[in-house]
mmCIF file of all heavy atoms, coordinates in Angstrom:
data_MODEL
# 
_entry.id   MODEL 
# 
loop_
_atom_site.group_PDB 
_atom_site.id 
_atom_site.type_symbol 
_atom_site.label_atom_id 
_atom_site.label_alt_id 
_atom_site.label_comp_id 
_atom_site.label_asym_id 
_atom_site.label_entity_id 
_atom_site.label_seq_id 
_atom_site.pdbx_PDB_ins_code 
_atom_site.Cartn_x 
_atom_site.Cartn_y 
_atom_site.Cartn_z 
_atom_site.occupancy 
_atom_site.B_iso_or_equiv 
_atom_site.pdbx_formal_charge 
_atom_site.auth_seq_id 
_atom_site.auth_comp_id 
_atom_site.auth_asym_id 
_atom_site.auth_atom_id 
_atom_site.pdbx_PDB_model_num 
ATOM 1   N N   . LEU A 1 1  ? -10.776 5.301   11.021 1.00 0.00 ? 1  LEU A N   1 
ATOM 2   C CA  . LEU A 1 1  ? -10.293 5.091   12.375 1.00 0.00 ? 1  LEU A CA  1 
ATOM 3   C C   . LEU A 1 1  ? -9.137  6.042   12.655 1.00 0.00 ? 1  LEU A C   1 
ATOM 4   O O   . LEU A 1 1  ? -8.403  6.445   11.742 1.00 0.00 ? 1  LEU A O   1 
ATOM 5   C CB  . LEU A 1 1  ? -9.859  3.638   12.537 1.00 0.00 ? 1  LEU A CB  1 
ATOM 6   C CG  . LEU A 1 1  ? -10.969 2.589   12.378 1.00 0.00 ? 1  LEU A CG  1 
ATOM 7   C CD1 . LEU A 1 1  ? -10.387 1.192   12.430 1.00 0.00 ? 1  LEU A CD1 1 
ATOM 8   C CD2 . LEU A 1 1  ? -12.036 2.760   13.450 1.00 0.00 ? 1  LEU A CD2 1 
ATOM 9   N N   . PRO A 1 2  ? -8.932  6.396   13.905 1.00 0.00 ? 2  PRO A N   1 
ATOM 10  C CA  . PRO A 1 2  ? -7.872  7.349   14.217 1.00 0.00 ? 2  PRO A CA  1 
ATOM 11  C C   . PRO A 1 2  ? -6.483  6.735   14.092 1.00 0.00 ? 2  PRO A C   1 
ATOM 12  O O   . PRO A 1 2  ? -6.321  5.512   13.966 1.00 0.00 ? 2  PRO A O   1 
ATOM 13  C CB  . PRO A 1 2  ? -8.177  7.753   15.669 1.00 0.00 ? 2  PRO A CB  1 
ATOM 14  C CG  . PRO A 1 2  ? -8.922  6.593   16.220 1.00 0.00 ? 2  PRO A CG  1 
ATOM 15  C CD  . PRO A 1 2  ? -9.718  6.020   15.086 1.00 0.00 ? 2  PRO A CD  1 
ATOM 16  N N   . PHE A 1 3  ? -5.460  7.617   14.135 1.00 0.00 ? 3  PHE A N   1 
ATOM 17  C CA  . PHE A 1 3  ? -4.035  7.240   14.155 1.00 0.00 ? 3  PHE A CA  1 
ATOM 18  C C   . PHE A 1 3  ? -3.618  6.488   12.892 1.00 0.00 ? 3  PHE A C   1 
ATOM 19  O O   . PHE A 1 3  ? -2.673  5.703   12.921 1.00 0.00 ? 3  PHE A O   1 
ATOM 20  C CB  . PHE A 1 3  ? -3.698  6.403   15.380 1.00 0.00 ? 3  PHE A CB  1 
ATOM 21  C CG  . PHE A 1 3  ? -4.145  7.013   16.678 1.00 0.00 ? 3  PHE A CG  1 
ATOM 22  C CD1 . PHE A 1 3  ? -5.183  6.436   17.401 1.00 0.00 ? 3  PHE A CD1 1 
ATOM 23  C CD2 . PHE A 1 3  ? -3.568  8.170   17.160 1.00 0.00 ? 3  PHE A CD2 1 
ATOM 24  C CE1 . PHE A 1 3  ? -5.613  7.009   18.588 1.00 0.00 ? 3  PHE A CE1 1 
ATOM 25  C CE2 . PHE A 1 3  ? -3.994  8.743   18.342 1.00 0.00 ? 3  PHE A CE2 1 
ATOM 26  C CZ  . PHE A 1 3  ? -5.023  8.168   19.062 1.00 0.00 ? 3  PHE A CZ  1 
ATOM 27  N N   . GLY A 1 4  ? -4.340  6.669   11.790 1.00 0.00 ? 4  GLY A N   1 
ATOM 28  C CA  . GLY A 1 4  ? -3.952  6.020   10.541 1.00 0.00 ? 4  GLY A CA  1 
ATOM 29  C C   . GLY A 1 4  ? -4.235  4.542   10.466 1.00 0.00 ? 4  GLY A C   1 
ATOM 30  O O   . GLY A 1 4  ? -3.644  3.840   9.624  1.00 0.00 ? 4  GLY A O   1 
ATOM 31  N N   . ILE A 1 5  ? -5.117  4.036   11.317 1.00 0.00 ? 5  ILE A N   1 
ATOM 32  C CA  . ILE A 1 5  ? -5.428  2.603   11.286 1.00 0.00 ? 5  ILE A CA  1 
ATOM 33  C C   . ILE A 1 5  ? -6.137  2.237   9.992  1.00 0.00 ? 5  ILE A C   1 
ATOM 34  O O   . ILE A 1 5  ? -5.891  1.183   9.398  1.00 0.00 ? 5  ILE A O   1 
ATOM 35  C CB  . ILE A 1 5  ? -6.274  2.231   12.516 1.00 0.00 ? 5  ILE A CB  1 
ATOM 36  C CG1 . ILE A 1 5  ? -5.488  2.519   13.807 1.00 0.00 ? 5  ILE A CG1 1 
ATOM 37  C CG2 . ILE A 1 5  ? -6.685  0.767   12.474 1.00 0.00 ? 5  ILE A CG2 1 
ATOM 38  C CD1 . ILE A 1 5  ? -6.263  2.260   15.075 1.00 0.00 ? 5  ILE A CD1 1 
ATOM 39  N N   . SER A 1 6  ? -7.043  3.121   9.538  1.00 0.00 ? 6  SER A N   1 
ATOM 40  C CA  . SER A 1 6  ? -7.767  2.843   8.289  1.00 0.00 ? 6  SER A CA  1 
ATOM 41  C C   . SER A 1 6  ? -6.812  2.747   7.106  1.00 0.00 ? 6  SER A C   1 
ATOM 42  O O   . SER A 1 6  ? -6.999  1.915   6.211  1.00 0.00 ? 6  SER A O   1 
ATOM 43  C CB  . SER A 1 6  ? -8.809  3.926   8.042  1.00 0.00 ? 6  SER A CB  1 
ATOM 44  O OG  . SER A 1 6  ? -9.753  3.966   9.096  1.00 0.00 ? 6  SER A OG  1 
ATOM 45  N N   . ASP A 1 7  ? -5.758  3.591   7.085  1.00 0.00 ? 7  ASP A N   1 
ATOM 46  C CA  . ASP A 1 7  ? -4.795  3.536   5.981  1.00 0.00 ? 7  ASP A CA  1 
ATOM 47  C C   . ASP A 1 7  ? -4.036  2.216   5.968  1.00 0.00 ? 7  ASP A C   1 
ATOM 48  O O   . ASP A 1 7  ? -3.785  1.643   4.894  1.00 0.00 ? 7  ASP A O   1 
ATOM 49  C CB  . ASP A 1 7  ? -3.819  4.701   6.091  1.00 0.00 ? 7  ASP A CB  1 
ATOM 50  C CG  . ASP A 1 7  ? -4.526  6.055   5.964  1.00 0.00 ? 7  ASP A CG  1 
ATOM 51  O OD1 . ASP A 1 7  ? -5.602  6.089   5.340  1.00 0.00 ? 7  ASP A OD1 1 
ATOM 52  O OD2 . ASP A 1 7  ? -4.005  7.052   6.502  1.00 0.00 ? 7  ASP A OD2 1 
ATOM 53  N N   . HIS A 1 8  ? -3.680  1.713   7.141  1.00 0.00 ? 8  HIS A N   1 
ATOM 54  C CA  . HIS A 1 8  ? -2.988  0.426   7.195  1.00 0.00 ? 8  HIS A CA  1 
ATOM 55  C C   . HIS A 1 8  ? -3.907  -0.712  6.776  1.00 0.00 ? 8  HIS A C   1 
ATOM 56  O O   . HIS A 1 8  ? -3.456  -1.676  6.112  1.00 0.00 ? 8  HIS A O   1 
ATOM 57  C CB  . HIS A 1 8  ? -2.448  0.182   8.607  1.00 0.00 ? 8  HIS A CB  1 
ATOM 58  C CG  . HIS A 1 8  ? -1.203  0.971   8.916  1.00 0.00 ? 8  HIS A CG  1 
ATOM 59  N ND1 . HIS A 1 8  ? -1.225  2.303   9.228  1.00 0.00 ? 8  HIS A ND1 1 
ATOM 60  C CD2 . HIS A 1 8  ? 0.109   0.593   8.948  1.00 0.00 ? 8  HIS A CD2 1 
ATOM 61  C CE1 . HIS A 1 8  ? 0.013   2.727   9.456  1.00 0.00 ? 8  HIS A CE1 1 
ATOM 62  N NE2 . HIS A 1 8  ? 0.837   1.712   9.298  1.00 0.00 ? 8  HIS A NE2 1 
ATOM 63  N N   . ILE A 1 9  ? -5.171  -0.652  7.147  1.00 0.00 ? 9  ILE A N   1 
ATOM 64  C CA  . ILE A 1 9  ? -6.122  -1.692  6.733  1.00 0.00 ? 9  ILE A CA  1 
ATOM 65  C C   . ILE A 1 9  ? -6.304  -1.660  5.215  1.00 0.00 ? 9  ILE A C   1 
ATOM 66  O O   . ILE A 1 9  ? -6.340  -2.702  4.555  1.00 0.00 ? 9  ILE A O   1 
ATOM 67  C CB  . ILE A 1 9  ? -7.456  -1.510  7.467  1.00 0.00 ? 9  ILE A CB  1 
ATOM 68  C CG1 . ILE A 1 9  ? -7.272  -1.737  8.971  1.00 0.00 ? 9  ILE A CG1 1 
ATOM 69  C CG2 . ILE A 1 9  ? -8.505  -2.465  6.920  1.00 0.00 ? 9  ILE A CG2 1 
ATOM 70  C CD1 . ILE A 1 9  ? -8.521  -1.494  9.791  1.00 0.00 ? 9  ILE A CD1 1 
ATOM 71  N N   . ASP A 1 10 ? -6.403  -0.456  4.665  1.00 0.00 ? 10 ASP A N   1 
ATOM 72  C CA  . ASP A 1 10 ? -6.526  -0.338  3.211  1.00 0.00 ? 10 ASP A CA  1 
ATOM 73  C C   . ASP A 1 10 ? -5.277  -0.852  2.507  1.00 0.00 ? 10 ASP A C   1 
ATOM 74  O O   . ASP A 1 10 ? -5.369  -1.483  1.432  1.00 0.00 ? 10 ASP A O   1 
ATOM 75  C CB  . ASP A 1 10 ? -6.773  1.118   2.826  1.00 0.00 ? 10 ASP A CB  1 
ATOM 76  C CG  . ASP A 1 10 ? -8.115  1.632   3.328  1.00 0.00 ? 10 ASP A CG  1 
ATOM 77  O OD1 . ASP A 1 10 ? -8.997  0.786   3.609  1.00 0.00 ? 10 ASP A OD1 1 
ATOM 78  O OD2 . ASP A 1 10 ? -8.274  2.863   3.469  1.00 0.00 ? 10 ASP A OD2 1 
ATOM 79  N N   . ALA A 1 11 ? -4.119  -0.610  3.094  1.00 0.00 ? 11 ALA A N   1 
ATOM 80  C CA  . ALA A 1 11 ? -2.885  -1.112  2.486  1.00 0.00 ? 11 ALA A CA  1 
ATOM 81  C C   . ALA A 1 11 ? -2.843  -2.642  2.515  1.00 0.00 ? 11 ALA A C   1 
ATOM 82  O O   . ALA A 1 11 ? -2.388  -3.288  1.556  1.00 0.00 ? 11 ALA A O   1 
ATOM 83  C CB  . ALA A 1 11 ? -1.673  -0.537  3.218  1.00 0.00 ? 11 ALA A CB  1 
ATOM 84  N N   . ALA A 1 12 ? -3.324  -3.237  3.613  1.00 0.00 ? 12 ALA A N   1 
ATOM 85  C CA  . ALA A 1 12 ? -3.359  -4.703  3.690  1.00 0.00 ? 12 ALA A CA  1 
ATOM 86  C C   . ALA A 1 12 ? -4.334  -5.282  2.667  1.00 0.00 ? 12 ALA A C   1 
ATOM 87  O O   . ALA A 1 12 ? -4.033  -6.288  2.002  1.00 0.00 ? 12 ALA A O   1 
ATOM 88  C CB  . ALA A 1 12 ? -3.744  -5.135  5.097  1.00 0.00 ? 12 ALA A CB  1 
ATOM 89  N N   . MET A 1 13 ? -5.498  -4.663  2.515  1.00 0.00 ? 13 MET A N   1 
ATOM 90  C CA  . MET A 1 13 ? -6.452  -5.142  1.519  1.00 0.00 ? 13 MET A CA  1 
ATOM 91  C C   . MET A 1 13 ? -5.931  -4.957  0.094  1.00 0.00 ? 13 MET A C   1 
ATOM 92  O O   . MET A 1 13 ? -6.177  -5.795  -0.785 1.00 0.00 ? 13 MET A O   1 
ATOM 93  C CB  . MET A 1 13 ? -7.776  -4.397  1.693  1.00 0.00 ? 13 MET A CB  1 
ATOM 94  C CG  . MET A 1 13 ? -8.446  -4.609  3.047  1.00 0.00 ? 13 MET A CG  1 
ATOM 95  S SD  . MET A 1 13 ? -8.731  -6.340  3.429  1.00 0.00 ? 13 MET A SD  1 
ATOM 96  C CE  . MET A 1 13 ? -9.899  -6.778  2.164  1.00 0.00 ? 13 MET A CE  1 
ATOM 97  N N   . GLN A 1 14 ? -5.196  -3.885  -0.134 1.00 0.00 ? 14 GLN A N   1 
ATOM 98  C CA  . GLN A 1 14 ? -4.597  -3.661  -1.453 1.00 0.00 ? 14 GLN A CA  1 
ATOM 99  C C   . GLN A 1 14 ? -3.540  -4.718  -1.756 1.00 0.00 ? 14 GLN A C   1 
ATOM 100 O O   . GLN A 1 14 ? -3.453  -5.224  -2.886 1.00 0.00 ? 14 GLN A O   1 
ATOM 101 C CB  . GLN A 1 14 ? -3.990  -2.258  -1.518 1.00 0.00 ? 14 GLN A CB  1 
ATOM 102 C CG  . GLN A 1 14 ? -3.480  -1.866  -2.890 1.00 0.00 ? 14 GLN A CG  1 
ATOM 103 C CD  . GLN A 1 14 ? -4.600  -1.723  -3.909 1.00 0.00 ? 14 GLN A CD  1 
ATOM 104 O OE1 . GLN A 1 14 ? -5.723  -1.395  -3.537 1.00 0.00 ? 14 GLN A OE1 1 
ATOM 105 N NE2 . GLN A 1 14 ? -4.286  -1.970  -5.165 1.00 0.00 ? 14 GLN A NE2 1 
ATOM 106 N N   . LEU A 1 15 ? -2.730  -5.069  -0.745 1.00 0.00 ? 15 LEU A N   1 
ATOM 107 C CA  . LEU A 1 15 ? -1.736  -6.125  -0.934 1.00 0.00 ? 15 LEU A CA  1 
ATOM 108 C C   . LEU A 1 15 ? -2.407  -7.469  -1.200 1.00 0.00 ? 15 LEU A C   1 
ATOM 109 O O   . LEU A 1 15 ? -1.929  -8.264  -2.021 1.00 0.00 ? 15 LEU A O   1 
ATOM 110 C CB  . LEU A 1 15 ? -0.836  -6.216  0.299  1.00 0.00 ? 15 LEU A CB  1 
ATOM 111 C CG  . LEU A 1 15 ? 0.234   -7.307  0.289  1.00 0.00 ? 15 LEU A CG  1 
ATOM 112 C CD1 . LEU A 1 15 ? 1.226   -7.078  -0.854 1.00 0.00 ? 15 LEU A CD1 1 
ATOM 113 C CD2 . LEU A 1 15 ? 0.960   -7.370  1.622  1.00 0.00 ? 15 LEU A CD2 1 
ATOM 114 N N   . LEU A 1 16 ? -3.523  -7.725  -0.515 1.00 0.00 ? 16 LEU A N   1 
ATOM 115 C CA  . LEU A 1 16 ? -4.252  -8.978  -0.736 1.00 0.00 ? 16 LEU A CA  1 
ATOM 116 C C   . LEU A 1 16 ? -4.789  -9.061  -2.158 1.00 0.00 ? 16 LEU A C   1 
ATOM 117 O O   . LEU A 1 16 ? -4.758  -10.137 -2.772 1.00 0.00 ? 16 LEU A O   1 
ATOM 118 C CB  . LEU A 1 16 ? -5.391  -9.093  0.276  1.00 0.00 ? 16 LEU A CB  1 
ATOM 119 C CG  . LEU A 1 16 ? -6.303  -10.315 0.139  1.00 0.00 ? 16 LEU A CG  1 
ATOM 120 C CD1 . LEU A 1 16 ? -5.514  -11.604 0.309  1.00 0.00 ? 16 LEU A CD1 1 
ATOM 121 C CD2 . LEU A 1 16 ? -7.441  -10.246 1.158  1.00 0.00 ? 16 LEU A CD2 1 
ATOM 122 N N   . SER A 1 17 ? -5.290  -7.953  -2.684 1.00 0.00 ? 17 SER A N   1 
ATOM 123 C CA  . SER A 1 17 ? -5.828  -7.973  -4.043 1.00 0.00 ? 17 SER A CA  1 
ATOM 124 C C   . SER A 1 17 ? -4.733  -7.994  -5.104 1.00 0.00 ? 17 SER A C   1 
ATOM 125 O O   . SER A 1 17 ? -4.904  -8.609  -6.158 1.00 0.00 ? 17 SER A O   1 
ATOM 126 C CB  . SER A 1 17 ? -6.739  -6.754  -4.249 1.00 0.00 ? 17 SER A CB  1 
ATOM 127 O OG  . SER A 1 17 ? -6.003  -5.549  -4.071 1.00 0.00 ? 17 SER A OG  1 
ATOM 128 N N   . ASP A 1 18 ? -3.582  -7.335  -4.842 1.00 0.00 ? 18 ASP A N   1 
ATOM 129 C CA  . ASP A 1 18 ? -2.511  -7.282  -5.826 1.00 0.00 ? 18 ASP A CA  1 
ATOM 130 C C   . ASP A 1 18 ? -1.672  -8.551  -5.843 1.00 0.00 ? 18 ASP A C   1 
ATOM 131 O O   . ASP A 1 18 ? -1.380  -9.101  -6.907 1.00 0.00 ? 18 ASP A O   1 
ATOM 132 C CB  . ASP A 1 18 ? -1.613  -6.066  -5.562 1.00 0.00 ? 18 ASP A CB  1 
ATOM 133 C CG  . ASP A 1 18 ? -2.355  -4.751  -5.766 1.00 0.00 ? 18 ASP A CG  1 
ATOM 134 O OD1 . ASP A 1 18 ? -3.424  -4.777  -6.405 1.00 0.00 ? 18 ASP A OD1 1 
ATOM 135 O OD2 . ASP A 1 18 ? -1.879  -3.717  -5.245 1.00 0.00 ? 18 ASP A OD2 1 
ATOM 136 N N   . ASP A 1 19 ? -1.268  -9.037  -4.680 1.00 0.00 ? 19 ASP A N   1 
ATOM 137 C CA  . ASP A 1 19 ? -0.386  -10.198 -4.590 1.00 0.00 ? 19 ASP A CA  1 
ATOM 138 C C   . ASP A 1 19 ? -0.831  -11.059 -3.415 1.00 0.00 ? 19 ASP A C   1 
ATOM 139 O O   . ASP A 1 19 ? -0.357  -10.883 -2.282 1.00 0.00 ? 19 ASP A O   1 
ATOM 140 C CB  . ASP A 1 19 ? 1.066   -9.733  -4.405 1.00 0.00 ? 19 ASP A CB  1 
ATOM 141 C CG  . ASP A 1 19 ? 2.044   -10.871 -4.634 1.00 0.00 ? 19 ASP A CG  1 
ATOM 142 O OD1 . ASP A 1 19 ? 1.607   -12.026 -4.757 1.00 0.00 ? 19 ASP A OD1 1 
ATOM 143 O OD2 . ASP A 1 19 ? 3.262   -10.597 -4.667 1.00 0.00 ? 19 ASP A OD2 1 
ATOM 144 N N   . PRO A 1 20 ? -1.765  -11.997 -3.633 1.00 0.00 ? 20 PRO A N   1 
ATOM 145 C CA  . PRO A 1 20 ? -2.244  -12.833 -2.517 1.00 0.00 ? 20 PRO A CA  1 
ATOM 146 C C   . PRO A 1 20 ? -1.146  -13.682 -1.883 1.00 0.00 ? 20 PRO A C   1 
ATOM 147 O O   . PRO A 1 20 ? -1.161  -13.919 -0.674 1.00 0.00 ? 20 PRO A O   1 
ATOM 148 C CB  . PRO A 1 20 ? -3.325  -13.702 -3.163 1.00 0.00 ? 20 PRO A CB  1 
ATOM 149 C CG  . PRO A 1 20 ? -3.745  -12.968 -4.394 1.00 0.00 ? 20 PRO A CG  1 
ATOM 150 C CD  . PRO A 1 20 ? -2.510  -12.267 -4.870 1.00 0.00 ? 20 PRO A CD  1 
ATOM 151 N N   . MET A 1 21 ? -0.177  -14.146 -2.676 1.00 0.00 ? 21 MET A N   1 
ATOM 152 C CA  . MET A 1 21 ? 0.891   -14.968 -2.123 1.00 0.00 ? 21 MET A CA  1 
ATOM 153 C C   . MET A 1 21 ? 1.766   -14.160 -1.153 1.00 0.00 ? 21 MET A C   1 
ATOM 154 O O   . MET A 1 21 ? 2.148   -14.652 -0.092 1.00 0.00 ? 21 MET A O   1 
ATOM 155 C CB  . MET A 1 21 ? 1.739   -15.539 -3.246 1.00 0.00 ? 21 MET A CB  1 
ATOM 156 C CG  . MET A 1 21 ? 1.022   -16.574 -4.104 1.00 0.00 ? 21 MET A CG  1 
ATOM 157 S SD  . MET A 1 21 ? 0.456   -17.988 -3.135 1.00 0.00 ? 21 MET A SD  1 
ATOM 158 C CE  . MET A 1 21 ? 2.019   -18.621 -2.552 1.00 0.00 ? 21 MET A CE  1 
ATOM 159 N N   . ALA A 1 22 ? 2.080   -12.936 -1.504 1.00 0.00 ? 22 ALA A N   1 
ATOM 160 C CA  . ALA A 1 22 ? 2.866   -12.090 -0.597 1.00 0.00 ? 22 ALA A CA  1 
ATOM 161 C C   . ALA A 1 22 ? 2.088   -11.796 0.679  1.00 0.00 ? 22 ALA A C   1 
ATOM 162 O O   . ALA A 1 22 ? 2.665   -11.784 1.777  1.00 0.00 ? 22 ALA A O   1 
ATOM 163 C CB  . ALA A 1 22 ? 3.248   -10.789 -1.304 1.00 0.00 ? 22 ALA A CB  1 
ATOM 164 N N   . PHE A 1 23 ? 0.795   -11.575 0.547  1.00 0.00 ? 23 PHE A N   1 
ATOM 165 C CA  . PHE A 1 23 ? -0.034  -11.336 1.740  1.00 0.00 ? 23 PHE A CA  1 
ATOM 166 C C   . PHE A 1 23 ? -0.065  -12.577 2.636  1.00 0.00 ? 23 PHE A C   1 
ATOM 167 O O   . PHE A 1 23 ? 0.034   -12.460 3.865  1.00 0.00 ? 23 PHE A O   1 
ATOM 168 C CB  . PHE A 1 23 ? -1.448  -10.949 1.310  1.00 0.00 ? 23 PHE A CB  1 
ATOM 169 C CG  . PHE A 1 23 ? -2.375  -10.684 2.465  1.00 0.00 ? 23 PHE A CG  1 
ATOM 170 C CD1 . PHE A 1 23 ? -2.365  -9.454  3.115  1.00 0.00 ? 23 PHE A CD1 1 
ATOM 171 C CD2 . PHE A 1 23 ? -3.250  -11.662 2.894  1.00 0.00 ? 23 PHE A CD2 1 
ATOM 172 C CE1 . PHE A 1 23 ? -3.220  -9.219  4.191  1.00 0.00 ? 23 PHE A CE1 1 
ATOM 173 C CE2 . PHE A 1 23 ? -4.108  -11.426 3.966  1.00 0.00 ? 23 PHE A CE2 1 
ATOM 174 C CZ  . PHE A 1 23 ? -4.090  -10.204 4.608  1.00 0.00 ? 23 PHE A CZ  1 
ATOM 175 N N   . ALA A 1 24 ? -0.185  -13.759 2.023  1.00 0.00 ? 24 ALA A N   1 
ATOM 176 C CA  . ALA A 1 24 ? -0.211  -14.991 2.812  1.00 0.00 ? 24 ALA A CA  1 
ATOM 177 C C   . ALA A 1 24 ? 1.125   -15.218 3.524  1.00 0.00 ? 24 ALA A C   1 
ATOM 178 O O   . ALA A 1 24 ? 1.151   -15.604 4.698  1.00 0.00 ? 24 ALA A O   1 
ATOM 179 C CB  . ALA A 1 24 ? -0.547  -16.177 1.896  1.00 0.00 ? 24 ALA A CB  1 
ATOM 180 N N   . LYS A 1 25 ? 2.247   -14.971 2.838  1.00 0.00 ? 25 LYS A N   1 
ATOM 181 C CA  . LYS A 1 25 ? 3.550   -15.130 3.473  1.00 0.00 ? 25 LYS A CA  1 
ATOM 182 C C   . LYS A 1 25 ? 3.728   -14.145 4.626  1.00 0.00 ? 25 LYS A C   1 
ATOM 183 O O   . LYS A 1 25 ? 4.289   -14.480 5.674  1.00 0.00 ? 25 LYS A O   1 
ATOM 184 C CB  . LYS A 1 25 ? 4.660   -14.945 2.445  1.00 0.00 ? 25 LYS A CB  1 
ATOM 185 C CG  . LYS A 1 25 ? 4.755   -16.066 1.418  1.00 0.00 ? 25 LYS A CG  1 
ATOM 186 C CD  . LYS A 1 25 ? 5.876   -15.810 0.429  1.00 0.00 ? 25 LYS A CD  1 
ATOM 187 C CE  . LYS A 1 25 ? 5.967   -16.927 -0.591 1.00 0.00 ? 25 LYS A CE  1 
ATOM 188 N NZ  . LYS A 1 25 ? 7.056   -16.679 -1.584 1.00 0.00 ? 25 LYS A NZ  1 
ATOM 189 N N   . CYS A 1 26 ? 3.235   -12.935 4.432  1.00 0.00 ? 26 CYS A N   1 
ATOM 190 C CA  . CYS A 1 26 ? 3.335   -11.926 5.484  1.00 0.00 ? 26 CYS A CA  1 
ATOM 191 C C   . CYS A 1 26 ? 2.555   -12.349 6.723  1.00 0.00 ? 26 CYS A C   1 
ATOM 192 O O   . CYS A 1 26 ? 3.058   -12.297 7.856  1.00 0.00 ? 26 CYS A O   1 
ATOM 193 C CB  . CYS A 1 26 ? 2.836   -10.587 4.955  1.00 0.00 ? 26 CYS A CB  1 
ATOM 194 S SG  . CYS A 1 26 ? 2.836   -9.258  6.177  1.00 0.00 ? 26 CYS A SG  1 
ATOM 195 N N   . MET A 1 27 ? 1.308   -12.797 6.515  1.00 0.00 ? 27 MET A N   1 
ATOM 196 C CA  . MET A 1 27 ? 0.482   -13.205 7.653  1.00 0.00 ? 27 MET A CA  1 
ATOM 197 C C   . MET A 1 27 ? 1.029   -14.468 8.314  1.00 0.00 ? 27 MET A C   1 
ATOM 198 O O   . MET A 1 27 ? 0.996   -14.599 9.548  1.00 0.00 ? 27 MET A O   1 
ATOM 199 C CB  . MET A 1 27 ? -0.954  -13.441 7.187  1.00 0.00 ? 27 MET A CB  1 
ATOM 200 C CG  . MET A 1 27 ? -1.683  -12.183 6.737  1.00 0.00 ? 27 MET A CG  1 
ATOM 201 S SD  . MET A 1 27 ? -1.916  -10.993 8.077  1.00 0.00 ? 27 MET A SD  1 
ATOM 202 C CE  . MET A 1 27 ? -0.718  -9.719  7.608  1.00 0.00 ? 27 MET A CE  1 
ATOM 203 N N   . LEU A 1 28 ? 1.537   -15.405 7.513  1.00 0.00 ? 28 LEU A N   1 
ATOM 204 C CA  . LEU A 1 28 ? 2.104   -16.620 8.090  1.00 0.00 ? 28 LEU A CA  1 
ATOM 205 C C   . LEU A 1 28 ? 3.339   -16.315 8.920  1.00 0.00 ? 28 LEU A C   1 
ATOM 206 O O   . LEU A 1 28 ? 3.595   -16.963 9.946  1.00 0.00 ? 28 LEU A O   1 
ATOM 207 C CB  . LEU A 1 28 ? 2.441   -17.620 6.981  1.00 0.00 ? 28 LEU A CB  1 
ATOM 208 C CG  . LEU A 1 28 ? 1.249   -18.346 6.346  1.00 0.00 ? 28 LEU A CG  1 
ATOM 209 C CD1 . LEU A 1 28 ? 1.712   -19.232 5.199  1.00 0.00 ? 28 LEU A CD1 1 
ATOM 210 C CD2 . LEU A 1 28 ? 0.505   -19.175 7.388  1.00 0.00 ? 28 LEU A CD2 1 
ATOM 211 N N   . GLY A 1 29 ? 4.123   -15.343 8.491  1.00 0.00 ? 29 GLY A N   1 
ATOM 212 C CA  . GLY A 1 29 ? 5.298   -14.963 9.275  1.00 0.00 ? 29 GLY A CA  1 
ATOM 213 C C   . GLY A 1 29 ? 4.922   -14.410 10.638 1.00 0.00 ? 29 GLY A C   1 
ATOM 214 O O   . GLY A 1 29 ? 5.519   -14.774 11.657 1.00 0.00 ? 29 GLY A O   1 
# 
């Protein structure tokens, strides 16, 4: 996707796989 959207999505998926608790806290915030 343009404007680096794909990189941000990949970073979110990487955070979900590395630290699910941190990803959940981020989304809940």
